[in-house]
Amino acid sequence: MTRLGDLERAVMDVLWDAAPASSDGVTVREVADALDGRELAYTTVMTVLDRLAGKGMVQREREGRAWRYRPAATREAHIAQLMLEALDLGGSRDAALVRFARSVTGTEADVLRAALGAEAGAALGAEAGPTVEDGPAGRVENPRPGRPALDEATDR
């Protein structure tokens, strides 16, 4: 994923903030107006949006003579991708994750625990009930859907 410069990030913030209210996207003029205080030329904003489209950060659709722009991914998806890329910069990925986990606040740690717990539950099929499968001893109830039934004699 692409790292963004200051102006690109400001433009993306406008798009991300506008996304829920405007699912069909926003025009260059709407972005320029939202960047009030920066005194940017319309063509500058248009160039930034064009470059962001080229980087795959925004999607655009022609509307008459103008383009409408919307983010290609959510702000959260972009940030998560940046975090994953940072983990790939070198060294021990595990050590970096441990260091990160130790640096988050109590509330952030609770959010991480909840997300990891939900992921573990989904991986084990916890939200789905037991299933009935054919096993070595005939039909058995499998408390681990999506995974082979345990055979008492061989798997403990």
N, C-alpha and C. Protein backbone atom coordinates (compact mmCIF):
# COMPACT_ATOMS: atom_id res chain seq x y z
N MET A 1 0.85 -1.17 0.00
CA MET A 1 0.00 0.00 0.00
C MET A 1 0.89 1.23 0.00
N THR A 2 0.40 2.28 -0.55
CA THR A 2 1.16 3.50 -0.76
C THR A 2 1.13 4.39 0.48
N ARG A 3 2.27 4.92 0.81
CA ARG A 3 2.34 5.94 1.86
C ARG A 3 1.91 7.26 1.23
N LEU A 4 1.29 8.08 2.01
CA LEU A 4 0.73 9.32 1.49
C LEU A 4 1.50 10.53 1.99
N GLY A 5 1.63 11.52 1.11
CA GLY A 5 2.18 12.81 1.50
C GLY A 5 1.13 13.60 2.26
N ASP A 6 1.51 14.76 2.78
CA ASP A 6 0.60 15.56 3.59
C ASP A 6 -0.66 15.97 2.84
N LEU A 7 -0.51 16.45 1.61
CA LEU A 7 -1.67 16.88 0.84
C LEU A 7 -2.53 15.68 0.43
N GLU A 8 -1.88 14.60 0.04
CA GLU A 8 -2.63 13.38 -0.31
C GLU A 8 -3.42 12.88 0.90
N ARG A 9 -2.81 12.91 2.07
CA ARG A 9 -3.50 12.47 3.28
C ARG A 9 -4.69 13.38 3.58
N ALA A 10 -4.52 14.68 3.41
CA ALA A 10 -5.62 15.63 3.64
C ALA A 10 -6.77 15.36 2.67
N VAL A 11 -6.45 15.08 1.42
CA VAL A 11 -7.48 14.78 0.42
C VAL A 11 -8.18 13.47 0.78
N MET A 12 -7.40 12.46 1.17
CA MET A 12 -8.00 11.18 1.56
C MET A 12 -8.89 11.34 2.79
N ASP A 13 -8.48 12.19 3.72
CA ASP A 13 -9.33 12.44 4.90
C ASP A 13 -10.67 13.01 4.49
N VAL A 14 -10.66 13.91 3.52
CA VAL A 14 -11.92 14.47 3.01
C VAL A 14 -12.77 13.35 2.41
N LEU A 15 -12.16 12.49 1.60
CA LEU A 15 -12.90 11.40 0.98
C LEU A 15 -13.43 10.42 2.02
N TRP A 16 -12.58 10.04 2.99
CA TRP A 16 -13.01 9.10 4.02
C TRP A 16 -14.13 9.69 4.87
N ASP A 17 -14.04 10.98 5.17
CA ASP A 17 -15.08 11.62 5.98
C ASP A 17 -16.38 11.77 5.20
N ALA A 18 -16.28 11.90 3.88
CA ALA A 18 -17.47 12.08 3.05
C ALA A 18 -18.09 10.75 2.63
N ALA A 19 -17.34 9.66 2.72
CA ALA A 19 -17.78 8.36 2.20
C ALA A 19 -19.15 7.91 2.72
N PRO A 20 -19.43 7.93 4.03
CA PRO A 20 -20.73 7.44 4.47
C PRO A 20 -21.89 8.29 3.96
N ALA A 21 -21.69 9.60 3.91
CA ALA A 21 -22.77 10.49 3.49
C ALA A 21 -22.92 10.53 1.98
N SER A 22 -21.86 10.21 1.27
CA SER A 22 -21.88 10.35 -0.18
C SER A 22 -21.31 9.10 -0.84
N SER A 23 -22.12 8.06 -0.94
CA SER A 23 -21.63 6.80 -1.48
C SER A 23 -21.31 6.89 -2.97
N ASP A 24 -21.85 7.88 -3.64
CA ASP A 24 -21.55 8.01 -5.07
C ASP A 24 -20.30 8.83 -5.33
N GLY A 25 -19.62 9.27 -4.27
CA GLY A 25 -18.37 9.99 -4.42
C GLY A 25 -18.54 11.49 -4.38
N VAL A 26 -17.41 12.17 -4.44
CA VAL A 26 -17.40 13.63 -4.41
C VAL A 26 -16.62 14.17 -5.59
N THR A 27 -16.90 15.40 -5.95
CA THR A 27 -16.23 16.03 -7.08
C THR A 27 -14.95 16.72 -6.61
N VAL A 28 -14.14 17.12 -7.57
CA VAL A 28 -12.92 17.87 -7.25
C VAL A 28 -13.29 19.16 -6.51
N ARG A 29 -14.33 19.82 -6.96
CA ARG A 29 -14.76 21.08 -6.33
C ARG A 29 -15.15 20.84 -4.87
N GLU A 30 -15.87 19.76 -4.60
CA GLU A 30 -16.28 19.46 -3.22
C GLU A 30 -15.07 19.18 -2.33
N VAL A 31 -14.08 18.49 -2.88
CA VAL A 31 -12.85 18.23 -2.12
C VAL A 31 -12.12 19.54 -1.87
N ALA A 32 -11.98 20.37 -2.91
CA ALA A 32 -11.28 21.65 -2.78
C ALA A 32 -11.98 22.53 -1.74
N ASP A 33 -13.31 22.55 -1.75
CA ASP A 33 -14.05 23.35 -0.78
C ASP A 33 -13.85 22.83 0.64
N ALA A 34 -13.75 21.52 0.79
CA ALA A 34 -13.55 20.92 2.11
C ALA A 34 -12.15 21.18 2.65
N LEU A 35 -11.22 21.49 1.77
CA LEU A 35 -9.84 21.79 2.17
C LEU A 35 -9.66 23.29 2.40
N ASP A 36 -10.71 23.95 2.86
CA ASP A 36 -10.64 25.39 3.10
C ASP A 36 -9.51 25.71 4.07
N GLY A 37 -8.91 26.85 3.85
CA GLY A 37 -7.78 27.25 4.67
C GLY A 37 -6.44 26.89 4.02
N ARG A 38 -6.47 26.04 3.03
CA ARG A 38 -5.24 25.64 2.35
C ARG A 38 -4.99 26.48 1.09
N GLU A 39 -6.01 27.15 0.60
CA GLU A 39 -5.90 27.99 -0.59
C GLU A 39 -5.23 27.26 -1.74
N LEU A 40 -5.81 26.13 -2.11
CA LEU A 40 -5.28 25.33 -3.21
C LEU A 40 -6.05 25.61 -4.49
N ALA A 41 -5.35 25.61 -5.59
CA ALA A 41 -5.99 25.77 -6.89
C ALA A 41 -6.79 24.50 -7.20
N TYR A 42 -7.87 24.67 -7.92
CA TYR A 42 -8.71 23.55 -8.35
C TYR A 42 -7.86 22.51 -9.07
N THR A 43 -6.96 22.96 -9.94
CA THR A 43 -6.13 22.02 -10.71
C THR A 43 -5.16 21.24 -9.82
N THR A 44 -4.73 21.85 -8.72
CA THR A 44 -3.85 21.13 -7.78
C THR A 44 -4.61 19.96 -7.15
N VAL A 45 -5.84 20.22 -6.71
CA VAL A 45 -6.66 19.17 -6.10
C VAL A 45 -6.96 18.09 -7.14
N MET A 46 -7.25 18.53 -8.37
CA MET A 46 -7.53 17.57 -9.44
C MET A 46 -6.30 16.69 -9.70
N THR A 47 -5.13 17.26 -9.69
CA THR A 47 -3.89 16.49 -9.91
C THR A 47 -3.67 15.48 -8.78
N VAL A 48 -3.88 15.91 -7.55
CA VAL A 48 -3.71 15.01 -6.40
C VAL A 48 -4.69 13.85 -6.51
N LEU A 49 -5.94 14.13 -6.83
CA LEU A 49 -6.94 13.06 -6.98
C LEU A 49 -6.59 12.12 -8.12
N ASP A 50 -6.07 12.68 -9.22
CA ASP A 50 -5.66 11.85 -10.35
C ASP A 50 -4.51 10.92 -9.95
N ARG A 51 -3.55 11.45 -9.21
CA ARG A 51 -2.42 10.63 -8.75
C ARG A 51 -2.88 9.56 -7.76
N LEU A 52 -3.81 9.91 -6.88
CA LEU A 52 -4.35 8.93 -5.94
C LEU A 52 -5.09 7.82 -6.68
N ALA A 53 -5.76 8.18 -7.76
CA ALA A 53 -6.43 7.16 -8.58
C ALA A 53 -5.39 6.25 -9.22
N GLY A 54 -4.30 6.83 -9.69
CA GLY A 54 -3.23 6.04 -10.29
C GLY A 54 -2.57 5.10 -9.29
N LYS A 55 -2.55 5.49 -8.02
CA LYS A 55 -1.97 4.65 -6.97
C LYS A 55 -2.96 3.61 -6.46
N GLY A 56 -4.19 3.68 -6.94
CA GLY A 56 -5.20 2.73 -6.49
C GLY A 56 -5.86 3.10 -5.17
N MET A 57 -5.63 4.30 -4.70
CA MET A 57 -6.20 4.74 -3.42
C MET A 57 -7.64 5.21 -3.56
N VAL A 58 -7.99 5.71 -4.74
CA VAL A 58 -9.35 6.17 -4.97
C VAL A 58 -9.90 5.55 -6.25
N GLN A 59 -11.20 5.48 -6.29
CA GLN A 59 -11.91 5.05 -7.50
C GLN A 59 -12.61 6.28 -8.05
N ARG A 60 -12.69 6.35 -9.35
CA ARG A 60 -13.39 7.50 -9.92
C ARG A 60 -14.34 7.03 -11.00
N GLU A 61 -15.38 7.84 -11.15
CA GLU A 61 -16.41 7.53 -12.13
C GLU A 61 -16.80 8.84 -12.82
N ARG A 62 -16.89 8.75 -14.12
CA ARG A 62 -17.24 9.94 -14.90
C ARG A 62 -18.70 10.31 -14.69
N GLU A 63 -18.93 11.59 -14.47
CA GLU A 63 -20.29 12.12 -14.36
C GLU A 63 -20.35 13.38 -15.22
N GLY A 64 -20.85 13.22 -16.42
CA GLY A 64 -20.83 14.33 -17.37
C GLY A 64 -19.40 14.63 -17.76
N ARG A 65 -18.98 15.87 -17.57
CA ARG A 65 -17.60 16.25 -17.88
C ARG A 65 -16.69 16.12 -16.66
N ALA A 66 -17.27 15.86 -15.51
CA ALA A 66 -16.48 15.80 -14.26
C ALA A 66 -16.30 14.35 -13.81
N TRP A 67 -15.44 14.17 -12.82
CA TRP A 67 -15.23 12.87 -12.19
C TRP A 67 -15.76 12.94 -10.76
N ARG A 68 -16.25 11.82 -10.28
CA ARG A 68 -16.62 11.67 -8.88
C ARG A 68 -15.66 10.67 -8.27
N TYR A 69 -15.12 11.01 -7.11
CA TYR A 69 -14.09 10.21 -6.45
C TYR A 69 -14.60 9.65 -5.13
N ARG A 70 -14.18 8.44 -4.84
CA ARG A 70 -14.46 7.82 -3.54
C ARG A 70 -13.27 6.95 -3.15
N PRO A 71 -13.08 6.72 -1.87
CA PRO A 71 -11.93 5.91 -1.43
C PRO A 71 -12.07 4.47 -1.92
N ALA A 72 -10.94 3.87 -2.29
CA ALA A 72 -10.94 2.48 -2.73
C ALA A 72 -11.04 1.54 -1.52
N ALA A 73 -10.63 2.00 -0.34
CA ALA A 73 -10.69 1.21 0.89
C ALA A 73 -10.98 2.15 2.05
N THR A 74 -11.40 1.60 3.15
CA THR A 74 -11.68 2.42 4.33
C THR A 74 -10.38 2.93 4.94
N ARG A 75 -10.51 3.94 5.75
CA ARG A 75 -9.36 4.49 6.49
C ARG A 75 -8.75 3.38 7.35
N GLU A 76 -9.60 2.60 8.00
CA GLU A 76 -9.12 1.53 8.88
C GLU A 76 -8.34 0.47 8.10
N ALA A 77 -8.83 0.12 6.91
CA ALA A 77 -8.13 -0.87 6.08
C ALA A 77 -6.76 -0.33 5.65
N HIS A 78 -6.71 0.94 5.33
CA HIS A 78 -5.44 1.57 4.93
C HIS A 78 -4.45 1.55 6.09
N ILE A 79 -4.91 1.93 7.28
CA ILE A 79 -4.02 1.95 8.45
C ILE A 79 -3.55 0.54 8.79
N ALA A 80 -4.45 -0.43 8.72
CA ALA A 80 -4.06 -1.82 9.00
C ALA A 80 -3.00 -2.29 8.02
N GLN A 81 -3.14 -1.93 6.75
CA GLN A 81 -2.15 -2.32 5.75
C GLN A 81 -0.80 -1.66 6.03
N LEU A 82 -0.82 -0.40 6.44
CA LEU A 82 0.43 0.27 6.81
C LEU A 82 1.11 -0.43 7.99
N MET A 83 0.32 -0.86 8.94
CA MET A 83 0.87 -1.56 10.10
C MET A 83 1.50 -2.88 9.68
N LEU A 84 0.84 -3.61 8.79
CA LEU A 84 1.40 -4.87 8.29
C LEU A 84 2.69 -4.64 7.52
N GLU A 85 2.72 -3.59 6.73
CA GLU A 85 3.94 -3.28 5.98
C GLU A 85 5.07 -2.91 6.94
N ALA A 86 4.76 -2.21 8.02
CA ALA A 86 5.78 -1.85 9.00
C ALA A 86 6.36 -3.12 9.64
N LEU A 87 5.53 -4.12 9.87
CA LEU A 87 6.02 -5.37 10.44
C LEU A 87 6.97 -6.09 9.49
N ASP A 88 6.82 -5.84 8.19
CA ASP A 88 7.66 -6.50 7.19
C ASP A 88 8.98 -5.76 6.93
N LEU A 89 9.24 -4.67 7.65
CA LEU A 89 10.44 -3.88 7.39
C LEU A 89 11.72 -4.59 7.76
N GLY A 90 11.63 -5.62 8.51
CA GLY A 90 12.83 -6.37 8.88
C GLY A 90 12.84 -6.70 10.34
N GLY A 91 13.81 -7.48 10.72
CA GLY A 91 13.90 -7.89 12.11
C GLY A 91 12.85 -8.94 12.42
N SER A 92 12.58 -9.09 13.68
CA SER A 92 11.63 -10.10 14.14
C SER A 92 10.23 -9.53 14.17
N ARG A 93 9.37 -10.10 13.35
CA ARG A 93 7.97 -9.68 13.32
C ARG A 93 7.32 -9.96 14.68
N ASP A 94 7.65 -11.11 15.28
CA ASP A 94 7.10 -11.46 16.58
C ASP A 94 7.51 -10.46 17.65
N ALA A 95 8.78 -10.07 17.65
CA ALA A 95 9.27 -9.11 18.64
C ALA A 95 8.57 -7.76 18.47
N ALA A 96 8.36 -7.36 17.24
CA ALA A 96 7.66 -6.09 16.99
C ALA A 96 6.22 -6.17 17.47
N LEU A 97 5.56 -7.30 17.26
CA LEU A 97 4.18 -7.45 17.72
C LEU A 97 4.11 -7.42 19.24
N VAL A 98 5.05 -8.08 19.90
CA VAL A 98 5.07 -8.08 21.37
C VAL A 98 5.30 -6.67 21.88
N ARG A 99 6.25 -5.98 21.29
CA ARG A 99 6.54 -4.59 21.70
C ARG A 99 5.31 -3.70 21.51
N PHE A 100 4.62 -3.89 20.39
CA PHE A 100 3.40 -3.12 20.12
C PHE A 100 2.33 -3.44 21.16
N ALA A 101 2.11 -4.73 21.42
CA ALA A 101 1.08 -5.14 22.37
C ALA A 101 1.35 -4.57 23.76
N ARG A 102 2.61 -4.48 24.14
CA ARG A 102 2.96 -3.94 25.46
C ARG A 102 2.82 -2.42 25.51
N SER A 103 2.76 -1.77 24.37
CA SER A 103 2.71 -0.30 24.35
C SER A 103 1.30 0.26 24.26
N VAL A 104 0.31 -0.58 24.01
CA VAL A 104 -1.05 -0.06 23.87
C VAL A 104 -1.67 0.20 25.24
N THR A 105 -2.67 1.07 25.26
CA THR A 105 -3.36 1.40 26.50
C THR A 105 -4.28 0.26 26.91
N GLY A 106 -4.82 0.35 28.10
CA GLY A 106 -5.73 -0.68 28.60
C GLY A 106 -6.94 -0.87 27.70
N THR A 107 -7.55 0.22 27.26
CA THR A 107 -8.71 0.14 26.38
C THR A 107 -8.33 -0.49 25.04
N GLU A 108 -7.20 -0.07 24.49
CA GLU A 108 -6.74 -0.64 23.22
C GLU A 108 -6.44 -2.12 23.37
N ALA A 109 -5.86 -2.51 24.51
CA ALA A 109 -5.58 -3.92 24.76
C ALA A 109 -6.87 -4.72 24.83
N ASP A 110 -7.90 -4.14 25.44
CA ASP A 110 -9.20 -4.82 25.50
C ASP A 110 -9.77 -5.03 24.11
N VAL A 111 -9.62 -4.04 23.25
CA VAL A 111 -10.10 -4.16 21.87
C VAL A 111 -9.35 -5.27 21.14
N LEU A 112 -8.03 -5.31 21.31
CA LEU A 112 -7.23 -6.37 20.68
C LEU A 112 -7.62 -7.75 21.20
N ARG A 113 -7.81 -7.87 22.53
CA ARG A 113 -8.21 -9.16 23.10
C ARG A 113 -9.55 -9.61 22.54
N ALA A 114 -10.50 -8.70 22.45
CA ALA A 114 -11.82 -9.04 21.93
C ALA A 114 -11.73 -9.48 20.47
N ALA A 115 -10.92 -8.76 19.68
CA ALA A 115 -10.78 -9.12 18.27
C ALA A 115 -10.10 -10.48 18.12
N LEU A 116 -9.06 -10.73 18.91
CA LEU A 116 -8.38 -12.01 18.84
C LEU A 116 -9.27 -13.14 19.34
N GLY A 117 -10.06 -12.87 20.38
CA GLY A 117 -11.00 -13.88 20.88
C GLY A 117 -12.06 -14.22 19.86
N ALA A 118 -12.57 -13.21 19.16
CA ALA A 118 -13.57 -13.45 18.13
C ALA A 118 -12.96 -14.23 16.97
N GLU A 119 -11.72 -13.90 16.61
CA GLU A 119 -11.04 -14.60 15.52
C GLU A 119 -10.78 -16.05 15.89
N ALA A 120 -10.35 -16.29 17.14
CA ALA A 120 -10.09 -17.66 17.58
C ALA A 120 -11.37 -18.46 17.61
N GLY A 121 -12.44 -17.85 18.06
CA GLY A 121 -13.74 -18.53 18.09
C GLY A 121 -14.21 -18.89 16.70
N ALA A 122 -14.01 -17.99 15.76
CA ALA A 122 -14.42 -18.26 14.38
C ALA A 122 -13.57 -19.37 13.77
N ALA A 123 -12.27 -19.37 14.09
CA ALA A 123 -11.38 -20.39 13.55
C ALA A 123 -11.73 -21.77 14.08
N LEU A 124 -12.20 -21.82 15.30
CA LEU A 124 -12.57 -23.11 15.89
C LEU A 124 -14.02 -23.47 15.62
N GLY A 125 -14.75 -22.58 14.96
CA GLY A 125 -16.16 -22.85 14.67
C GLY A 125 -17.02 -22.73 15.91
N ALA A 126 -16.63 -21.90 16.85
CA ALA A 126 -17.33 -21.80 18.13
C ALA A 126 -18.76 -21.30 17.96
N GLU A 127 -18.99 -20.40 16.99
CA GLU A 127 -20.34 -19.88 16.87
C GLU A 127 -21.28 -20.88 16.21
N ALA A 128 -20.73 -21.85 15.48
CA ALA A 128 -21.56 -22.89 14.89
C ALA A 128 -21.64 -24.03 15.88
N GLY A 129 -22.75 -24.66 15.94
CA GLY A 129 -22.92 -25.77 16.87
C GLY A 129 -22.22 -27.02 16.37
N PRO A 130 -22.29 -28.08 17.15
CA PRO A 130 -21.68 -29.35 16.75
C PRO A 130 -22.30 -29.85 15.46
N THR A 131 -21.54 -30.62 14.72
CA THR A 131 -22.03 -31.22 13.49
C THR A 131 -21.96 -32.72 13.60
N VAL A 132 -22.68 -33.40 12.74
CA VAL A 132 -22.64 -34.86 12.71
C VAL A 132 -21.86 -35.26 11.48
N GLU A 133 -20.83 -36.09 11.70
CA GLU A 133 -19.96 -36.51 10.61
C GLU A 133 -19.76 -38.01 10.67
N ASP A 134 -19.36 -38.58 9.54
CA ASP A 134 -18.99 -39.98 9.52
C ASP A 134 -17.57 -40.10 10.01
N GLY A 135 -17.38 -40.87 11.06
CA GLY A 135 -16.06 -41.09 11.62
C GLY A 135 -15.71 -42.56 11.53
N PRO A 136 -14.55 -42.93 12.05
CA PRO A 136 -14.12 -44.31 11.99
C PRO A 136 -15.08 -45.26 12.70
N ALA A 137 -15.80 -44.76 13.71
CA ALA A 137 -16.72 -45.62 14.46
C ALA A 137 -18.16 -45.36 14.04
N GLY A 138 -18.39 -44.87 12.85
CA GLY A 138 -19.75 -44.56 12.39
C GLY A 138 -20.02 -43.08 12.51
N ARG A 139 -21.32 -42.74 12.58
CA ARG A 139 -21.69 -41.33 12.67
C ARG A 139 -21.47 -40.83 14.08
N VAL A 140 -20.72 -39.69 14.19
CA VAL A 140 -20.42 -39.12 15.50
C VAL A 140 -20.70 -37.63 15.49
N GLU A 141 -20.98 -37.09 16.68
CA GLU A 141 -21.17 -35.65 16.80
C GLU A 141 -19.80 -35.01 16.90
N ASN A 142 -19.56 -34.04 16.06
CA ASN A 142 -18.27 -33.34 16.06
C ASN A 142 -18.45 -31.98 16.71
N PRO A 143 -17.86 -31.75 17.88
CA PRO A 143 -17.98 -30.44 18.52
C PRO A 143 -17.09 -29.39 17.87
N ARG A 144 -16.31 -29.76 16.86
CA ARG A 144 -15.40 -28.84 16.19
C ARG A 144 -15.74 -28.76 14.71
N PRO A 145 -16.83 -28.07 14.33
CA PRO A 145 -17.20 -27.99 12.92
C PRO A 145 -16.06 -27.44 12.08
N GLY A 146 -15.91 -27.97 10.90
CA GLY A 146 -14.87 -27.51 9.99
C GLY A 146 -13.55 -28.20 10.23
N ARG A 147 -13.46 -29.00 11.31
CA ARG A 147 -12.25 -29.75 11.62
C ARG A 147 -12.64 -31.20 11.81
N PRO A 148 -11.75 -32.13 11.57
CA PRO A 148 -12.10 -33.54 11.69
C PRO A 148 -12.55 -33.87 13.11
N ALA A 149 -13.47 -34.82 13.20
CA ALA A 149 -13.91 -35.30 14.51
C ALA A 149 -12.76 -36.03 15.18
N LEU A 150 -12.68 -35.89 16.49
CA LEU A 150 -11.62 -36.58 17.24
C LEU A 150 -11.97 -38.05 17.39
N ASP A 151 -11.00 -38.90 17.21
CA ASP A 151 -11.16 -40.31 17.46
C ASP A 151 -10.54 -40.57 18.83
N GLU A 152 -11.36 -40.98 19.76
CA GLU A 152 -10.92 -41.15 21.14
C GLU A 152 -9.67 -42.00 21.25
N ALA A 153 -9.51 -43.00 20.39
CA ALA A 153 -8.37 -43.91 20.51
C ALA A 153 -7.06 -43.30 20.02
N THR A 154 -7.14 -42.37 19.06
CA THR A 154 -5.92 -41.85 18.48
C THR A 154 -5.67 -40.38 18.76
N ASP A 155 -6.69 -39.57 18.89
CA ASP A 155 -6.53 -38.13 19.10
C ASP A 155 -7.01 -37.76 20.50
N ARG A 156 -6.16 -37.16 21.25
CA ARG A 156 -6.55 -36.74 22.61
C ARG A 156 -6.25 -35.29 22.79
